[in-house]
PDB file of N, CA and C in Angstrom:
ATOM      1  N   MET A   1      13.342   8.850  41.614  1.00  0.00           N
ATOM      2  CA  MET A   1      12.799   7.615  41.128  1.00  0.00           C
ATOM      3  C   MET A   1      11.473   7.837  40.406  1.00  0.00           C
ATOM      4  N   GLU A   2      10.578   8.643  41.001  1.00  0.00           N
ATOM      5  CA  GLU A   2       9.280   8.910  40.393  1.00  0.00           C
ATOM      6  C   GLU A   2       9.438   9.646  39.063  1.00  0.00           C
ATOM      7  N   PHE A   3      10.410  10.536  39.018  1.00  0.00           N
ATOM      8  CA  PHE A   3      10.648  11.304  37.790  1.00  0.00           C
ATOM      9  C   PHE A   3      11.075  10.363  36.665  1.00  0.00           C
ATOM     10  N   GLY A   4      11.928   9.415  36.962  1.00  0.00           N
ATOM     11  CA  GLY A   4      12.408   8.443  35.968  1.00  0.00           C
ATOM     12  C   GLY A   4      11.270   7.584  35.435  1.00  0.00           C
ATOM     13  N   VAL A   5      10.364   7.153  36.291  1.00  0.00           N
ATOM     14  CA  VAL A   5       9.218   6.335  35.884  1.00  0.00           C
ATOM     15  C   VAL A   5       8.286   7.173  35.007  1.00  0.00           C
ATOM     16  N   ALA A   6       8.039   8.407  35.440  1.00  0.00           N
ATOM     17  CA  ALA A   6       7.173   9.304  34.663  1.00  0.00           C
ATOM     18  C   ALA A   6       7.778   9.563  33.274  1.00  0.00           C
ATOM     19  N   LEU A   7       9.088   9.783  33.231  1.00  0.00           N
ATOM     20  CA  LEU A   7       9.750  10.012  31.963  1.00  0.00           C
ATOM     21  C   LEU A   7       9.675   8.788  31.073  1.00  0.00           C
ATOM     22  N   LEU A   8       9.845   7.617  31.640  1.00  0.00           N
ATOM     23  CA  LEU A   8       9.742   6.383  30.870  1.00  0.00           C
ATOM     24  C   LEU A   8       8.330   6.185  30.309  1.00  0.00           C
ATOM     25  N   ILE A   9       7.328   6.478  31.109  1.00  0.00           N
ATOM     26  CA  ILE A   9       5.936   6.373  30.648  1.00  0.00           C
ATOM     27  C   ILE A   9       5.670   7.357  29.527  1.00  0.00           C
ATOM     28  N   ILE A  10       6.155   8.560  29.668  1.00  0.00           N
ATOM     29  CA  ILE A  10       5.973   9.574  28.621  1.00  0.00           C
ATOM     30  C   ILE A  10       6.657   9.139  27.326  1.00  0.00           C
ATOM     31  N   LEU A  11       7.840   8.595  27.427  1.00  0.00           N
ATOM     32  CA  LEU A  11       8.571   8.139  26.232  1.00  0.00           C
ATOM     33  C   LEU A  11       7.838   6.983  25.543  1.00  0.00           C
ATOM     34  N   VAL A  12       7.298   6.073  26.315  1.00  0.00           N
ATOM     35  CA  VAL A  12       6.548   4.952  25.746  1.00  0.00           C
ATOM     36  C   VAL A  12       5.295   5.449  25.041  1.00  0.00           C
ATOM     37  N   VAL A  13       4.580   6.359  25.690  1.00  0.00           N
ATOM     38  CA  VAL A  13       3.370   6.908  25.070  1.00  0.00           C
ATOM     39  C   VAL A  13       3.712   7.651  23.773  1.00  0.00           C
ATOM     40  N   LEU A  14       4.774   8.440  23.783  1.00  0.00           N
ATOM     41  CA  LEU A  14       5.185   9.149  22.577  1.00  0.00           C
ATOM     42  C   LEU A  14       5.579   8.178  21.458  1.00  0.00           C
ATOM     43  N   ALA A  15       6.252   7.093  21.813  1.00  0.00           N
ATOM     44  CA  ALA A  15       6.639   6.100  20.820  1.00  0.00           C
ATOM     45  C   ALA A  15       5.404   5.441  20.214  1.00  0.00           C
ATOM     46  N   VAL A  16       4.431   5.101  21.024  1.00  0.00           N
ATOM     47  CA  VAL A  16       3.184   4.500  20.521  1.00  0.00           C
ATOM     48  C   VAL A  16       2.435   5.478  19.623  1.00  0.00           C
ATOM     49  N   LEU A  17       2.320   6.712  20.061  1.00  0.00           N
ATOM     50  CA  LEU A  17       1.656   7.728  19.249  1.00  0.00           C
ATOM     51  C   LEU A  17       2.367   7.936  17.913  1.00  0.00           C
ATOM     52  N   SER A  18       3.692   7.939  17.967  1.00  0.00           N
ATOM     53  CA  SER A  18       4.464   8.098  16.741  1.00  0.00           C
ATOM     54  C   SER A  18       4.225   6.947  15.787  1.00  0.00           C
ATOM     55  N   LEU A  19       4.199   5.747  16.318  1.00  0.00           N
ATOM     56  CA  LEU A  19       3.947   4.553  15.480  1.00  0.00           C
ATOM     57  C   LEU A  19       2.543   4.616  14.869  1.00  0.00           C
ATOM     58  N   CYS A  20       1.562   5.006  15.644  1.00  0.00           N
ATOM     59  CA  CYS A  20       0.195   5.137  15.117  1.00  0.00           C
ATOM     60  C   CYS A  20       0.121   6.190  14.021  1.00  0.00           C
ATOM     61  N   TRP A  21       0.792   7.317  14.230  1.00  0.00           N
ATOM     62  CA  TRP A  21       0.799   8.381  13.232  1.00  0.00           C
ATOM     63  C   TRP A  21       1.457   7.907  11.932  1.00  0.00           C
ATOM     64  N   MET A  22       2.570   7.209  12.050  1.00  0.00           N
ATOM     65  CA  MET A  22       3.279   6.732  10.864  1.00  0.00           C
ATOM     66  C   MET A  22       2.446   5.700  10.096  1.00  0.00           C
ATOM     67  N   ARG A  23       1.785   4.811  10.807  1.00  0.00           N
ATOM     68  CA  ARG A  23       0.934   3.801  10.145  1.00  0.00           C
ATOM     69  C   ARG A  23      -0.219   4.521   9.420  1.00  0.00           C
ATOM     70  N   ARG A  24      -0.804   5.513  10.028  1.00  0.00           N
ATOM     71  CA  ARG A  24      -1.873   6.277   9.386  1.00  0.00           C
ATOM     72  C   ARG A  24      -1.349   6.958   8.117  1.00  0.00           C
ATOM     73  N   TYR A  25      -0.149   7.517   8.221  1.00  0.00           N
ATOM     74  CA  TYR A  25       0.470   8.163   7.063  1.00  0.00           C
ATOM     75  C   TYR A  25       0.650   7.161   5.919  1.00  0.00           C
ATOM     76  N   TYR A  26       1.138   5.971   6.220  1.00  0.00           N
ATOM     77  CA  TYR A  26       1.355   4.976   5.180  1.00  0.00           C
ATOM     78  C   TYR A  26       0.016   4.414   4.647  1.00  0.00           C
ATOM     79  N   ARG A  27      -0.999   4.329   5.491  1.00  0.00           N
ATOM     80  CA  ARG A  27      -2.327   3.943   5.000  1.00  0.00           C
ATOM     81  C   ARG A  27      -2.845   4.968   4.014  1.00  0.00           C
ATOM     82  N   GLN A  28      -2.648   6.237   4.309  1.00  0.00           N
ATOM     83  CA  GLN A  28      -3.049   7.291   3.373  1.00  0.00           C
ATOM     84  C   GLN A  28      -2.278   7.184   2.067  1.00  0.00           C
ATOM     85  N   ASN A  29      -1.005   6.802   2.138  1.00  0.00           N
ATOM     86  CA  ASN A  29      -0.232   6.602   0.934  1.00  0.00           C
ATOM     87  C   ASN A  29      -0.788   5.450   0.103  1.00  0.00           C
ATOM     88  N   LEU A  30      -1.250   4.386   0.769  1.00  0.00           N
ATOM     89  CA  LEU A  30      -1.867   3.268   0.049  1.00  0.00           C
ATOM     90  C   LEU A  30      -3.134   3.716  -0.668  1.00  0.00           C
ATOM     91  N   VAL A  31      -3.947   4.548  -0.028  1.00  0.00           N
ATOM     92  CA  VAL A  31      -5.143   5.081  -0.678  1.00  0.00           C
ATOM     93  C   VAL A  31      -4.762   5.897  -1.893  1.00  0.00           C
ATOM     94  N   PHE A  32      -3.723   6.711  -1.762  1.00  0.00           N
ATOM     95  CA  PHE A  32      -3.212   7.513  -2.881  1.00  0.00           C
ATOM     96  C   PHE A  32      -2.736   6.608  -4.029  1.00  0.00           C
ATOM     97  N   MET A  33      -2.005   5.543  -3.668  1.00  0.00           N
ATOM     98  CA  MET A  33      -1.503   4.616  -4.681  1.00  0.00           C
ATOM     99  C   MET A  33      -2.653   3.875  -5.375  1.00  0.00           C
ATOM    100  N   ARG A  34      -3.719   3.625  -4.669  1.00  0.00           N
ATOM    101  CA  ARG A  34      -4.897   3.020  -5.287  1.00  0.00           C
ATOM    102  C   ARG A  34      -5.466   3.982  -6.329  1.00  0.00           C
ATOM    103  N   GLY A  35      -5.559   5.239  -6.009  1.00  0.00           N
ATOM    104  CA  GLY A  35      -6.036   6.237  -6.965  1.00  0.00           C
ATOM    105  C   GLY A  35      -5.157   6.309  -8.194  1.00  0.00           C
ATOM    106  N   ILE A  36      -3.856   6.215  -7.979  1.00  0.00           N
ATOM    107  CA  ILE A  36      -2.921   6.230  -9.131  1.00  0.00           C
ATOM    108  C   ILE A  36      -3.180   5.025 -10.021  1.00  0.00           C
ATOM    109  N   ALA A  37      -3.411   3.857  -9.414  1.00  0.00           N
ATOM    110  CA  ALA A  37      -3.655   2.670 -10.230  1.00  0.00           C
ATOM    111  C   ALA A  37      -4.917   2.817 -11.062  1.00  0.00           C
ATOM    112  N   VAL A  38      -5.939   3.368 -10.463  1.00  0.00           N
ATOM    113  CA  VAL A  38      -7.202   3.531 -11.193  1.00  0.00           C
ATOM    114  C   VAL A  38      -7.054   4.518 -12.337  1.00  0.00           C
ATOM    115  N   HIS A  39      -6.443   5.671 -12.045  1.00  0.00           N
ATOM    116  CA  HIS A  39      -6.398   6.733 -13.045  1.00  0.00           C
ATOM    117  C   HIS A  39      -5.235   6.620 -14.033  1.00  0.00           C
ATOM    118  N   MET A  40      -4.095   6.156 -13.556  1.00  0.00           N
ATOM    119  CA  MET A  40      -2.909   6.139 -14.416  1.00  0.00           C
ATOM    120  C   MET A  40      -2.778   4.833 -15.174  1.00  0.00           C
ATOM    121  N   ILE A  41      -3.316   3.747 -14.641  1.00  0.00           N
ATOM    122  CA  ILE A  41      -3.095   2.436 -15.264  1.00  0.00           C
ATOM    123  C   ILE A  41      -4.390   1.823 -15.770  1.00  0.00           C
ATOM    124  N   GLN A  42      -5.363   1.648 -14.900  1.00  0.00           N
ATOM    125  CA  GLN A  42      -6.568   0.945 -15.281  1.00  0.00           C
ATOM    126  C   GLN A  42      -7.413   1.693 -16.301  1.00  0.00           C
ATOM    127  N   ASN A  43      -7.566   2.993 -16.144  1.00  0.00           N
ATOM    128  CA  ASN A  43      -8.426   3.771 -17.050  1.00  0.00           C
ATOM    129  C   ASN A  43      -7.665   4.340 -18.235  1.00  0.00           C
ATOM    130  N   ARG A  44      -6.455   3.949 -18.413  1.00  0.00           N
ATOM    131  CA  ARG A  44      -5.646   4.421 -19.541  1.00  0.00           C
ATOM    132  C   ARG A  44      -6.161   3.819 -20.841  1.00  0.00           C
ATOM    133  N   PRO A  45      -6.159   4.587 -21.921  1.00  0.00           N
ATOM    134  CA  PRO A  45      -6.574   4.004 -23.206  1.00  0.00           C
ATOM    135  C   PRO A  45      -5.667   2.848 -23.621  1.00  0.00           C
ATOM    136  N   PRO A  46      -6.220   1.767 -24.146  1.00  0.00           N
ATOM    137  CA  PRO A  46      -5.388   0.627 -24.528  1.00  0.00           C
ATOM    138  C   PRO A  46      -4.464   0.925 -25.711  1.00  0.00           C
ATOM    139  N   THR A  47      -4.646   2.065 -26.343  1.00  0.00           N
ATOM    140  CA  THR A  47      -3.792   2.412 -27.492  1.00  0.00           C
ATOM    141  C   THR A  47      -2.518   3.090 -27.087  1.00  0.00           C
ATOM    142  N   ASP A  48      -2.354   3.372 -25.802  1.00  0.00           N
ATOM    143  CA  ASP A  48      -1.121   4.005 -25.313  1.00  0.00           C
ATOM    144  C   ASP A  48       0.061   3.070 -25.528  1.00  0.00           C
ATOM    145  N   ASP A  49       1.252   3.647 -25.441  1.00  0.00           N
ATOM    146  CA  ASP A  49       2.487   2.904 -25.606  1.00  0.00           C
ATOM    147  C   ASP A  49       2.604   1.801 -24.563  1.00  0.00           C
ATOM    148  N   ALA A  50       2.703   0.561 -25.017  1.00  0.00           N
ATOM    149  CA  ALA A  50       2.762  -0.604 -24.122  1.00  0.00           C
ATOM    150  C   ALA A  50       3.962  -0.566 -23.203  1.00  0.00           C
ATOM    151  N   ALA A  51       5.102  -0.110 -23.716  1.00  0.00           N
ATOM    152  CA  ALA A  51       6.317  -0.049 -22.883  1.00  0.00           C
ATOM    153  C   ALA A  51       6.125   0.934 -21.741  1.00  0.00           C
ATOM    154  N   ARG A  52       5.505   2.043 -22.040  1.00  0.00           N
ATOM    155  CA  ARG A  52       5.283   3.077 -21.011  1.00  0.00           C
ATOM    156  C   ARG A  52       4.301   2.579 -19.953  1.00  0.00           C
ATOM    157  N   ILE A  53       3.247   1.895 -20.418  1.00  0.00           N
ATOM    158  CA  ILE A  53       2.272   1.334 -19.485  1.00  0.00           C
ATOM    159  C   ILE A  53       2.956   0.331 -18.566  1.00  0.00           C
ATOM    160  N   GLN A  54       3.809  -0.513 -19.134  1.00  0.00           N
ATOM    161  CA  GLN A  54       4.522  -1.519 -18.334  1.00  0.00           C
ATOM    162  C   GLN A  54       5.433  -0.851 -17.307  1.00  0.00           C
ATOM    163  N   GLN A  55       6.102   0.234 -17.709  1.00  0.00           N
ATOM    164  CA  GLN A  55       6.944   0.969 -16.748  1.00  0.00           C
ATOM    165  C   GLN A  55       6.091   1.494 -15.585  1.00  0.00           C
ATOM    166  N   ASN A  56       4.921   2.037 -15.942  1.00  0.00           N
ATOM    167  CA  ASN A  56       4.024   2.567 -14.898  1.00  0.00           C
ATOM    168  C   ASN A  56       3.566   1.471 -13.958  1.00  0.00           C
ATOM    169  N   VAL A  57       3.179   0.318 -14.521  1.00  0.00           N
ATOM    170  CA  VAL A  57       2.726  -0.792 -13.689  1.00  0.00           C
ATOM    171  C   VAL A  57       3.834  -1.269 -12.779  1.00  0.00           C
ATOM    172  N   ASN A  58       5.042  -1.412 -13.326  1.00  0.00           N
ATOM    173  CA  ASN A  58       6.173  -1.852 -12.536  1.00  0.00           C
ATOM    174  C   ASN A  58       6.493  -0.867 -11.392  1.00  0.00           C
ATOM    175  N   TRP A  59       6.479   0.428 -11.742  1.00  0.00           N
ATOM    176  CA  TRP A  59       6.753   1.451 -10.715  1.00  0.00           C
ATOM    177  C   TRP A  59       5.689   1.387  -9.638  1.00  0.00           C
ATOM    178  N   TRP A  60       4.426   1.358 -10.021  1.00  0.00           N
ATOM    179  CA  TRP A  60       3.313   1.360  -9.085  1.00  0.00           C
ATOM    180  C   TRP A  60       3.412   0.147  -8.151  1.00  0.00           C
ATOM    181  N   GLU A  61       3.612  -1.009  -8.725  1.00  0.00           N
ATOM    182  CA  GLU A  61       3.655  -2.222  -7.897  1.00  0.00           C
ATOM    183  C   GLU A  61       4.825  -2.184  -6.937  1.00  0.00           C
ATOM    184  N   THR A  62       5.964  -1.693  -7.387  1.00  0.00           N
ATOM    185  CA  THR A  62       7.156  -1.600  -6.520  1.00  0.00           C
ATOM    186  C   THR A  62       6.880  -0.650  -5.345  1.00  0.00           C
ATOM    187  N   GLU A  63       6.263   0.488  -5.631  1.00  0.00           N
ATOM    188  CA  GLU A  63       5.971   1.454  -4.592  1.00  0.00           C
ATOM    189  C   GLU A  63       4.975   0.891  -3.573  1.00  0.00           C
ATOM    190  N   VAL A  64       3.927   0.216  -4.080  1.00  0.00           N
ATOM    191  CA  VAL A  64       2.949  -0.367  -3.176  1.00  0.00           C
ATOM    192  C   VAL A  64       3.580  -1.417  -2.281  1.00  0.00           C
ATOM    193  N   LEU A  65       4.460  -2.227  -2.866  1.00  0.00           N
ATOM    194  CA  LEU A  65       5.123  -3.283  -2.079  1.00  0.00           C
ATOM    195  C   LEU A  65       6.063  -2.682  -1.031  1.00  0.00           C
ATOM    196  N   LYS A  66       6.584  -1.479  -1.270  1.00  0.00           N
ATOM    197  CA  LYS A  66       7.416  -0.816  -0.258  1.00  0.00           C
ATOM    198  C   LYS A  66       6.561  -0.283   0.910  1.00  0.00           C
ATOM    199  N   ILE A  67       5.357   0.187   0.583  1.00  0.00           N
ATOM    200  CA  ILE A  67       4.498   0.832   1.564  1.00  0.00           C
ATOM    201  C   ILE A  67       3.759  -0.175   2.416  1.00  0.00           C
ATOM    202  N   LEU A  68       3.353  -1.293   1.836  1.00  0.00           N
ATOM    203  CA  LEU A  68       2.522  -2.270   2.548  1.00  0.00           C
ATOM    204  C   LEU A  68       3.071  -2.660   3.922  1.00  0.00           C
ATOM    205  N   PRO A  69       4.351  -3.092   4.046  1.00  0.00           N
ATOM    206  CA  PRO A  69       4.802  -3.482   5.386  1.00  0.00           C
ATOM    207  C   PRO A  69       4.817  -2.316   6.378  1.00  0.00           C
ATOM    208  N   ARG A  70       5.108  -1.145   5.880  1.00  0.00           N
ATOM    209  CA  ARG A  70       5.156   0.038   6.766  1.00  0.00           C
ATOM    210  C   ARG A  70       3.774   0.424   7.252  1.00  0.00           C
ATOM    211  N   ALA A  71       2.750   0.113   6.441  1.00  0.00           N
ATOM    212  CA  ALA A  71       1.379   0.437   6.813  1.00  0.00           C
ATOM    213  C   ALA A  71       0.787  -0.590   7.786  1.00  0.00           C
ATOM    214  N   GLY A  72       1.468  -1.723   7.929  1.00  0.00           N
ATOM    215  CA  GLY A  72       0.996  -2.741   8.850  1.00  0.00           C
ATOM    216  C   GLY A  72       0.360  -3.933   8.193  1.00  0.00           C
ATOM    217  N   ALA A  73       0.528  -4.088   6.862  1.00  0.00           N
ATOM    218  CA  ALA A  73      -0.033  -5.249   6.163  1.00  0.00           C
ATOM    219  C   ALA A  73       0.683  -6.519   6.625  1.00  0.00           C
ATOM    220  N   LYS A  74      -0.044  -7.608   6.668  1.00  0.00           N
ATOM    221  CA  LYS A  74       0.530  -8.896   7.066  1.00  0.00           C
ATOM    222  C   LYS A  74       1.309  -9.473   5.898  1.00  0.00           C
ATOM    223  N   SER A  75       2.269 -10.335   6.217  1.00  0.00           N
ATOM    224  CA  SER A  75       3.138 -10.896   5.192  1.00  0.00           C
ATOM    225  C   SER A  75       2.363 -11.712   4.168  1.00  0.00           C
ATOM    226  N   ASP A  76       1.313 -12.418   4.591  1.00  0.00           N
ATOM    227  CA  ASP A  76       0.527 -13.207   3.620  1.00  0.00           C
ATOM    228  C   ASP A  76      -0.268 -12.288   2.694  1.00  0.00           C
ATOM    229  N   GLU A  77      -0.720 -11.133   3.182  1.00  0.00           N
ATOM    230  CA  GLU A  77      -1.398 -10.157   2.307  1.00  0.00           C
ATOM    231  C   GLU A  77      -0.447  -9.596   1.274  1.00  0.00           C
ATOM    232  N   ILE A  78       0.765  -9.303   1.703  1.00  0.00           N
ATOM    233  CA  ILE A  78       1.769  -8.775   0.795  1.00  0.00           C
ATOM    234  C   ILE A  78       2.115  -9.801  -0.269  1.00  0.00           C
ATOM    235  N   ALA A  79       2.276 -11.063   0.146  1.00  0.00           N
ATOM    236  CA  ALA A  79       2.605 -12.130  -0.804  1.00  0.00           C
ATOM    237  C   ALA A  79       1.471 -12.334  -1.807  1.00  0.00           C
ATOM    238  N   ARG A  80       0.206 -12.314  -1.338  1.00  0.00           N
ATOM    239  CA  ARG A  80      -0.916 -12.460  -2.256  1.00  0.00           C
ATOM    240  C   ARG A  80      -0.982 -11.322  -3.249  1.00  0.00           C
ATOM    241  N   PHE A  81      -0.722 -10.082  -2.774  1.00  0.00           N
ATOM    242  CA  PHE A  81      -0.730  -8.925  -3.666  1.00  0.00           C
ATOM    243  C   PHE A  81       0.352  -9.074  -4.711  1.00  0.00           C
ATOM    244  N   ALA A  82       1.542  -9.483  -4.306  1.00  0.00           N
ATOM    245  CA  ALA A  82       2.662  -9.606  -5.237  1.00  0.00           C
ATOM    246  C   ALA A  82       2.457 -10.701  -6.259  1.00  0.00           C
ATOM    247  N   ARG A  83       1.801 -11.792  -5.846  1.00  0.00           N
ATOM    248  CA  ARG A  83       1.611 -12.963  -6.714  1.00  0.00           C
ATOM    249  C   ARG A  83       0.487 -12.756  -7.737  1.00  0.00           C
ATOM    250  N   CYS A  84      -0.517 -12.004  -7.401  1.00  0.00           N
ATOM    251  CA  CYS A  84      -1.702 -11.967  -8.268  1.00  0.00           C
ATOM    252  C   CYS A  84      -1.426 -11.322  -9.600  1.00  0.00           C
ATOM    253  N   GLY A  85      -2.139 -11.803 -10.592  1.00  0.00           N
ATOM    254  CA  GLY A  85      -2.031 -11.247 -11.927  1.00  0.00           C
ATOM    255  C   GLY A  85      -0.980 -11.872 -12.789  1.00  0.00           C
ATOM    256  N   ALA A  86      -0.931 -11.401 -14.000  1.00  0.00           N
ATOM    257  CA  ALA A  86       0.019 -11.906 -14.981  1.00  0.00           C
ATOM    258  C   ALA A  86       1.095 -10.851 -15.159  1.00  0.00           C
ATOM    259  N   ALA A  87       2.173 -10.998 -14.463  1.00  0.00           N
ATOM    260  CA  ALA A  87       3.257 -10.012 -14.501  1.00  0.00           C
ATOM    261  C   ALA A  87       3.760  -9.849 -15.931  1.00  0.00           C
ATOM    262  N   GLY A  88       3.975  -8.634 -16.335  1.00  0.00           N
ATOM    263  CA  GLY A  88       4.508  -8.382 -17.668  1.00  0.00           C
ATOM    264  C   GLY A  88       3.465  -8.261 -18.738  1.00  0.00           C
ATOM    265  N   ASN A  89       2.184  -8.455 -18.379  1.00  0.00           N
ATOM    266  CA  ASN A  89       1.122  -8.389 -19.352  1.00  0.00           C
ATOM    267  C   ASN A  89       0.271  -7.154 -19.070  1.00  0.00           C
ATOM    268  N   VAL A  90       0.609  -6.031 -19.715  1.00  0.00           N
ATOM    269  CA  VAL A  90      -0.063  -4.776 -19.435  1.00  0.00           C
ATOM    270  C   VAL A  90      -1.455  -4.706 -20.019  1.00  0.00           C
ATOM    271  N   TYR A  91      -1.748  -5.572 -20.934  1.00  0.00           N
ATOM    272  CA  TYR A  91      -3.077  -5.553 -21.544  1.00  0.00           C
ATOM    273  C   TYR A  91      -4.069  -6.403 -20.755  1.00  0.00           C
ATOM    274  N   HIS A  92      -3.620  -7.068 -19.747  1.00  0.00           N
ATOM    275  CA  HIS A  92      -4.499  -7.876 -18.906  1.00  0.00           C
ATOM    276  C   HIS A  92      -5.143  -6.953 -17.879  1.00  0.00           C
ATOM    277  N   ARG A  93      -6.243  -6.330 -18.251  1.00  0.00           N
ATOM    278  CA  ARG A  93      -6.908  -5.356 -17.353  1.00  0.00           C
ATOM    279  C   ARG A  93      -7.392  -6.037 -16.090  1.00  0.00           C
ATOM    280  N   GLY A  94      -7.718  -7.318 -16.189  1.00  0.00           N
ATOM    281  CA  GLY A  94      -8.154  -8.040 -15.012  1.00  0.00           C
ATOM    282  C   GLY A  94      -7.078  -8.113 -13.952  1.00  0.00           C
ATOM    283  N   MET A  95      -5.796  -8.153 -14.367  1.00  0.00           N
ATOM    284  CA  MET A  95      -4.704  -8.191 -13.417  1.00  0.00           C
ATOM    285  C   MET A  95      -4.698  -6.912 -12.575  1.00  0.00           C
ATOM    286  N   ILE A  96      -4.848  -5.774 -13.225  1.00  0.00           N
ATOM    287  CA  ILE A  96      -4.847  -4.489 -12.488  1.00  0.00           C
ATOM    288  C   ILE A  96      -6.068  -4.445 -11.568  1.00  0.00           C
ATOM    289  N   ALA A  97      -7.218  -4.855 -12.083  1.00  0.00           N
ATOM    290  CA  ALA A  97      -8.426  -4.846 -11.250  1.00  0.00           C
ATOM    291  C   ALA A  97      -8.264  -5.767 -10.049  1.00  0.00           C
ATOM    292  N   GLN A  98      -7.626  -6.913 -10.244  1.00  0.00           N
ATOM    293  CA  GLN A  98      -7.424  -7.856  -9.137  1.00  0.00           C
ATOM    294  C   GLN A  98      -6.441  -7.275  -8.107  1.00  0.00           C
ATOM    295  N   LYS A  99      -5.383  -6.635  -8.579  1.00  0.00           N
ATOM    296  CA  LYS A  99      -4.437  -6.011  -7.641  1.00  0.00           C
ATOM    297  C   LYS A  99      -5.098  -4.888  -6.874  1.00  0.00           C
ATOM    298  N   ILE A 100      -5.938  -4.099  -7.541  1.00  0.00           N
ATOM    299  CA  ILE A 100      -6.652  -3.005  -6.870  1.00  0.00           C
ATOM    300  C   ILE A 100      -7.603  -3.597  -5.815  1.00  0.00           C
ATOM    301  N   ALA A 101      -8.289  -4.677  -6.164  1.00  0.00           N
ATOM    302  CA  ALA A 101      -9.216  -5.318  -5.229  1.00  0.00           C
ATOM    303  C   ALA A 101      -8.462  -5.832  -4.005  1.00  0.00           C
ATOM    304  N   ARG A 102      -7.303  -6.437  -4.207  1.00  0.00           N
ATOM    305  CA  ARG A 102      -6.502  -6.912  -3.078  1.00  0.00           C
ATOM    306  C   ARG A 102      -6.003  -5.760  -2.226  1.00  0.00           C
ATOM    307  N   LEU A 103      -5.595  -4.675  -2.895  1.00  0.00           N
ATOM    308  CA  LEU A 103      -5.147  -3.490  -2.170  1.00  0.00           C
ATOM    309  C   LEU A 103      -6.314  -2.902  -1.372  1.00  0.00           C
ATOM    310  N   ASP A 104      -7.517  -2.868  -1.955  1.00  0.00           N
ATOM    311  CA  ASP A 104      -8.704  -2.400  -1.253  1.00  0.00           C
ATOM    312  C   ASP A 104      -8.952  -3.224   0.021  1.00  0.00           C
ATOM    313  N   ALA A 105      -8.838  -4.540  -0.118  1.00  0.00           N
ATOM    314  CA  ALA A 105      -9.081  -5.418   1.031  1.00  0.00           C
ATOM    315  C   ALA A 105      -8.071  -5.143   2.159  1.00  0.00           C
ATOM    316  N   ILE A 106      -6.810  -4.913   1.756  1.00  0.00           N
ATOM    317  CA  ILE A 106      -5.789  -4.616   2.772  1.00  0.00           C
ATOM    318  C   ILE A 106      -6.076  -3.273   3.441  1.00  0.00           C
ATOM    319  N   ILE A 107      -6.422  -2.286   2.618  1.00  0.00           N
ATOM    320  CA  ILE A 107      -6.727  -0.946   3.174  1.00  0.00           C
ATOM    321  C   ILE A 107      -7.924  -1.026   4.117  1.00  0.00           C
ATOM    322  N   ASP A 108      -8.963  -1.762   3.718  1.00  0.00           N
ATOM    323  CA  ASP A 108     -10.159  -1.890   4.577  1.00  0.00           C
ATOM    324  C   ASP A 108      -9.792  -2.544   5.900  1.00  0.00           C
ATOM    325  N   ARG A 109      -8.985  -3.587   5.863  1.00  0.00           N
ATOM    326  CA  ARG A 109      -8.578  -4.248   7.105  1.00  0.00           C
ATOM    327  C   ARG A 109      -7.773  -3.294   7.997  1.00  0.00           C
ATOM    328  N   LEU A 110      -6.856  -2.566   7.388  1.00  0.00           N
ATOM    329  CA  LEU A 110      -6.018  -1.630   8.167  1.00  0.00           C
ATOM    330  C   LEU A 110      -6.865  -0.516   8.746  1.00  0.00           C
ATOM    331  N   GLU A 111      -7.819  -0.009   7.981  1.00  0.00           N
ATOM    332  CA  GLU A 111      -8.695   1.047   8.488  1.00  0.00           C
ATOM    333  C   GLU A 111      -9.583   0.530   9.608  1.00  0.00           C
ATOM    334  N   GLY A 112      -9.988  -0.733   9.504  1.00  0.00           N
ATOM    335  CA  GLY A 112     -10.813  -1.320  10.560  1.00  0.00           C
ATOM    336  C   GLY A 112     -10.071  -1.487  11.869  1.00  0.00           C
ATOM    337  N   GLU A 113      -8.751  -1.667  11.778  1.00  0.00           N
ATOM    338  CA  GLU A 113      -7.953  -1.790  12.995  1.00  0.00           C
ATOM    339  C   GLU A 113      -7.588  -0.473  13.624  1.00  0.00           C
ATOM    340  N   ALA A 114      -7.673   0.601  12.837  1.00  0.00           N
ATOM    341  CA  ALA A 114      -7.255   1.932  13.327  1.00  0.00           C
ATOM    342  C   ALA A 114      -8.217   2.495  14.330  1.00  0.00           C
TER     343      ALA A 114
END
């Protein structure tokens, strides 16, 4: 009986540790995706190919939206991130800056909880 309880406790502890490790991994991915947004999208010369920029923005946003729930972001944070900006307008630099600011706020909150 004692062995079974000890085993159950060990399994629960391992599950919690695994969950914490995975959330940390996804938070690190969000930080990486923030860097991609700054360097690949926001700081890109405006003379670059608009179609390519739009592909990059679409890819980046899709990847961030995949990672956010896994990192522990709340559903309202995810919805606000997805809604902000003018979708399809790659020349709207404010949209990218706003998305990065929202992503920063989510990352800060997640890091504060860790």
